[in-house]
Each structure stands twice: as structure tokens, then as C-alpha cells.
Amino acid sequence: MIPQTFEQWKNCIINDCKINLTKGFAEQRLAVYKDKKNNETQKFVSLYGEQHLQNIINWFKQI
């Protein structure tokens, strides 16, 4: 399931993936996801689409 809301995403990251959503982690991920030339970002977009990428960026900004 692809999360549709911040709360769904946060629950998935914390409970399913067992990742602590720290400010440092969020900053690292934002650096990747904001770089359109990054291979990881390009793969993410090809799998989940540009809209979901924007959702993820916005959600990481909330951390």
C-alpha cells in the first residue's frame, strides 16, 4: 500500500520499516529526493510517480 497521508506514511516508516524519523534522517532523505539527477530519486519517480515524490518531500519537511 502506498501511503496517501502523512499519518499513514509516518506509521509505515516508524512501525513497518522500524526507522526513527529524526531531523538528521529527514535532512539526508530530502537531499536525495530534491536532487532530480540522483539515480535513487529517478528510480523512485519511475516506480511511484512525481506526485508521490512531492508528497514524500513535503512529509519529510514536516519532521
N, C-alpha and C. Protein backbone atom coordinates (compact mmCIF):
# COMPACT_ATOMS: atom_id res chain seq x y z
N MET A 1 0.83 -1.18 0.00
CA MET A 1 0.00 0.00 0.00
C MET A 1 0.88 1.25 0.00
N ILE A 2 0.59 2.16 -0.87
CA ILE A 2 1.29 3.43 -0.92
C ILE A 2 0.55 4.41 -0.02
N PRO A 3 1.24 4.96 0.98
CA PRO A 3 0.58 5.89 1.90
C PRO A 3 0.02 7.11 1.17
N GLN A 4 -1.16 7.52 1.58
CA GLN A 4 -1.82 8.67 0.98
C GLN A 4 -1.80 9.90 1.88
N THR A 5 -1.50 9.69 3.16
CA THR A 5 -1.48 10.79 4.11
C THR A 5 -0.18 10.76 4.91
N PHE A 6 0.12 11.88 5.54
CA PHE A 6 1.30 11.96 6.39
C PHE A 6 1.25 10.92 7.49
N GLU A 7 0.12 10.76 8.14
CA GLU A 7 0.00 9.80 9.24
C GLU A 7 0.20 8.37 8.77
N GLN A 8 -0.34 8.02 7.61
CA GLN A 8 -0.13 6.67 7.06
C GLN A 8 1.35 6.44 6.77
N TRP A 9 1.98 7.44 6.16
CA TRP A 9 3.39 7.34 5.82
C TRP A 9 4.25 7.21 7.07
N LYS A 10 3.98 8.08 8.05
CA LYS A 10 4.73 8.08 9.31
C LYS A 10 4.60 6.73 10.00
N ASN A 11 3.39 6.19 10.06
CA ASN A 11 3.16 4.89 10.66
C ASN A 11 3.95 3.81 9.93
N CYS A 12 3.96 3.85 8.63
CA CYS A 12 4.69 2.88 7.82
C CYS A 12 6.19 2.94 8.11
N ILE A 13 6.75 4.15 8.11
CA ILE A 13 8.18 4.31 8.33
C ILE A 13 8.57 3.86 9.74
N ILE A 14 7.83 4.30 10.73
CA ILE A 14 8.19 4.01 12.13
C ILE A 14 7.89 2.56 12.50
N ASN A 15 6.70 2.08 12.19
CA ASN A 15 6.27 0.76 12.67
C ASN A 15 6.65 -0.39 11.73
N ASP A 16 6.47 -0.19 10.44
CA ASP A 16 6.76 -1.27 9.49
C ASP A 16 8.24 -1.35 9.15
N CYS A 17 8.85 -0.19 8.90
CA CYS A 17 10.25 -0.15 8.48
C CYS A 17 11.21 -0.04 9.66
N LYS A 18 10.66 0.28 10.85
CA LYS A 18 11.47 0.40 12.06
C LYS A 18 12.58 1.46 11.91
N ILE A 19 12.21 2.60 11.32
CA ILE A 19 13.14 3.71 11.12
C ILE A 19 12.71 4.85 12.03
N ASN A 20 13.68 5.41 12.76
CA ASN A 20 13.41 6.58 13.58
C ASN A 20 13.39 7.81 12.68
N LEU A 21 12.32 8.55 12.72
CA LEU A 21 12.20 9.75 11.90
C LEU A 21 12.82 10.94 12.61
N THR A 22 14.13 10.98 12.59
CA THR A 22 14.86 12.08 13.21
C THR A 22 15.04 13.21 12.21
N LYS A 23 15.38 14.37 12.72
CA LYS A 23 15.65 15.51 11.86
C LYS A 23 16.81 15.19 10.91
N GLY A 24 17.85 14.57 11.43
CA GLY A 24 19.00 14.21 10.61
C GLY A 24 18.65 13.27 9.48
N PHE A 25 17.84 12.25 9.79
CA PHE A 25 17.41 11.30 8.76
C PHE A 25 16.60 12.01 7.70
N ALA A 26 15.69 12.86 8.14
CA ALA A 26 14.84 13.61 7.20
C ALA A 26 15.70 14.49 6.29
N GLU A 27 16.68 15.15 6.85
CA GLU A 27 17.55 16.02 6.05
C GLU A 27 18.34 15.21 5.01
N GLN A 28 18.82 14.03 5.40
CA GLN A 28 19.54 13.17 4.45
C GLN A 28 18.63 12.75 3.30
N ARG A 29 17.42 12.35 3.63
CA ARG A 29 16.49 11.89 2.58
C ARG A 29 16.07 13.05 1.68
N LEU A 30 15.86 14.21 2.27
CA LEU A 30 15.48 15.37 1.46
C LEU A 30 16.58 15.73 0.48
N ALA A 31 17.84 15.62 0.89
CA ALA A 31 18.95 15.91 -0.01
C ALA A 31 18.91 15.00 -1.23
N VAL A 32 18.53 13.75 -1.03
CA VAL A 32 18.42 12.80 -2.14
C VAL A 32 17.20 13.13 -3.00
N TYR A 33 16.04 13.24 -2.36
CA TYR A 33 14.79 13.39 -3.11
C TYR A 33 14.65 14.73 -3.82
N LYS A 34 15.35 15.74 -3.37
CA LYS A 34 15.30 17.04 -4.04
C LYS A 34 16.24 17.11 -5.24
N ASP A 35 17.14 16.13 -5.36
CA ASP A 35 18.10 16.09 -6.46
C ASP A 35 17.52 15.25 -7.60
N LYS A 36 16.97 15.92 -8.59
CA LYS A 36 16.31 15.22 -9.71
C LYS A 36 17.29 14.38 -10.53
N LYS A 37 18.58 14.65 -10.42
CA LYS A 37 19.59 13.89 -11.18
C LYS A 37 20.08 12.66 -10.42
N ASN A 38 19.72 12.55 -9.17
CA ASN A 38 20.13 11.41 -8.35
C ASN A 38 19.46 10.14 -8.87
N ASN A 39 20.23 9.08 -9.03
CA ASN A 39 19.70 7.82 -9.54
C ASN A 39 18.58 7.27 -8.66
N GLU A 40 18.75 7.39 -7.36
CA GLU A 40 17.72 6.90 -6.44
C GLU A 40 16.41 7.66 -6.63
N THR A 41 16.51 8.96 -6.79
CA THR A 41 15.32 9.79 -6.99
C THR A 41 14.65 9.44 -8.31
N GLN A 42 15.43 9.26 -9.35
CA GLN A 42 14.87 8.89 -10.65
C GLN A 42 14.16 7.54 -10.58
N LYS A 43 14.76 6.60 -9.87
CA LYS A 43 14.12 5.29 -9.73
C LYS A 43 12.82 5.41 -8.93
N PHE A 44 12.85 6.22 -7.87
CA PHE A 44 11.65 6.43 -7.06
C PHE A 44 10.51 6.97 -7.93
N VAL A 45 10.81 7.97 -8.75
CA VAL A 45 9.80 8.57 -9.62
C VAL A 45 9.28 7.54 -10.62
N SER A 46 10.17 6.72 -11.16
CA SER A 46 9.72 5.72 -12.14
C SER A 46 8.81 4.68 -11.51
N LEU A 47 9.02 4.40 -10.21
CA LEU A 47 8.18 3.41 -9.52
C LEU A 47 6.89 3.99 -8.97
N TYR A 48 6.96 5.21 -8.39
CA TYR A 48 5.83 5.75 -7.65
C TYR A 48 5.24 7.04 -8.22
N GLY A 49 5.95 7.67 -9.15
CA GLY A 49 5.41 8.87 -9.78
C GLY A 49 5.86 10.16 -9.11
N GLU A 50 5.76 11.22 -9.87
CA GLU A 50 6.18 12.55 -9.42
C GLU A 50 5.33 13.05 -8.26
N GLN A 51 4.03 12.78 -8.29
CA GLN A 51 3.15 13.25 -7.22
C GLN A 51 3.54 12.64 -5.87
N HIS A 52 3.83 11.35 -5.87
CA HIS A 52 4.21 10.71 -4.60
C HIS A 52 5.57 11.24 -4.13
N LEU A 53 6.47 11.52 -5.05
CA LEU A 53 7.74 12.13 -4.67
C LEU A 53 7.50 13.46 -3.97
N GLN A 54 6.62 14.27 -4.51
CA GLN A 54 6.31 15.56 -3.87
C GLN A 54 5.68 15.36 -2.50
N ASN A 55 4.83 14.33 -2.38
CA ASN A 55 4.25 14.02 -1.06
C ASN A 55 5.35 13.68 -0.06
N ILE A 56 6.27 12.83 -0.47
CA ILE A 56 7.36 12.39 0.41
C ILE A 56 8.22 13.59 0.82
N ILE A 57 8.55 14.45 -0.13
CA ILE A 57 9.33 15.65 0.18
C ILE A 57 8.60 16.51 1.20
N ASN A 58 7.32 16.73 0.98
CA ASN A 58 6.53 17.53 1.93
C ASN A 58 6.45 16.87 3.30
N TRP A 59 6.32 15.57 3.34
CA TRP A 59 6.22 14.88 4.62
C TRP A 59 7.55 14.92 5.37
N PHE A 60 8.66 14.75 4.65
CA PHE A 60 9.96 14.84 5.31
C PHE A 60 10.20 16.25 5.86
N LYS A 61 9.67 17.25 5.19
CA LYS A 61 9.80 18.62 5.69
C LYS A 61 9.06 18.83 7.01
N GLN A 62 8.05 18.01 7.25
CA GLN A 62 7.28 18.12 8.49
C GLN A 62 8.01 17.53 9.70
N ILE A 63 9.00 16.71 9.44
CA ILE A 63 9.73 16.04 10.53
C ILE A 63 10.60 17.05 11.26
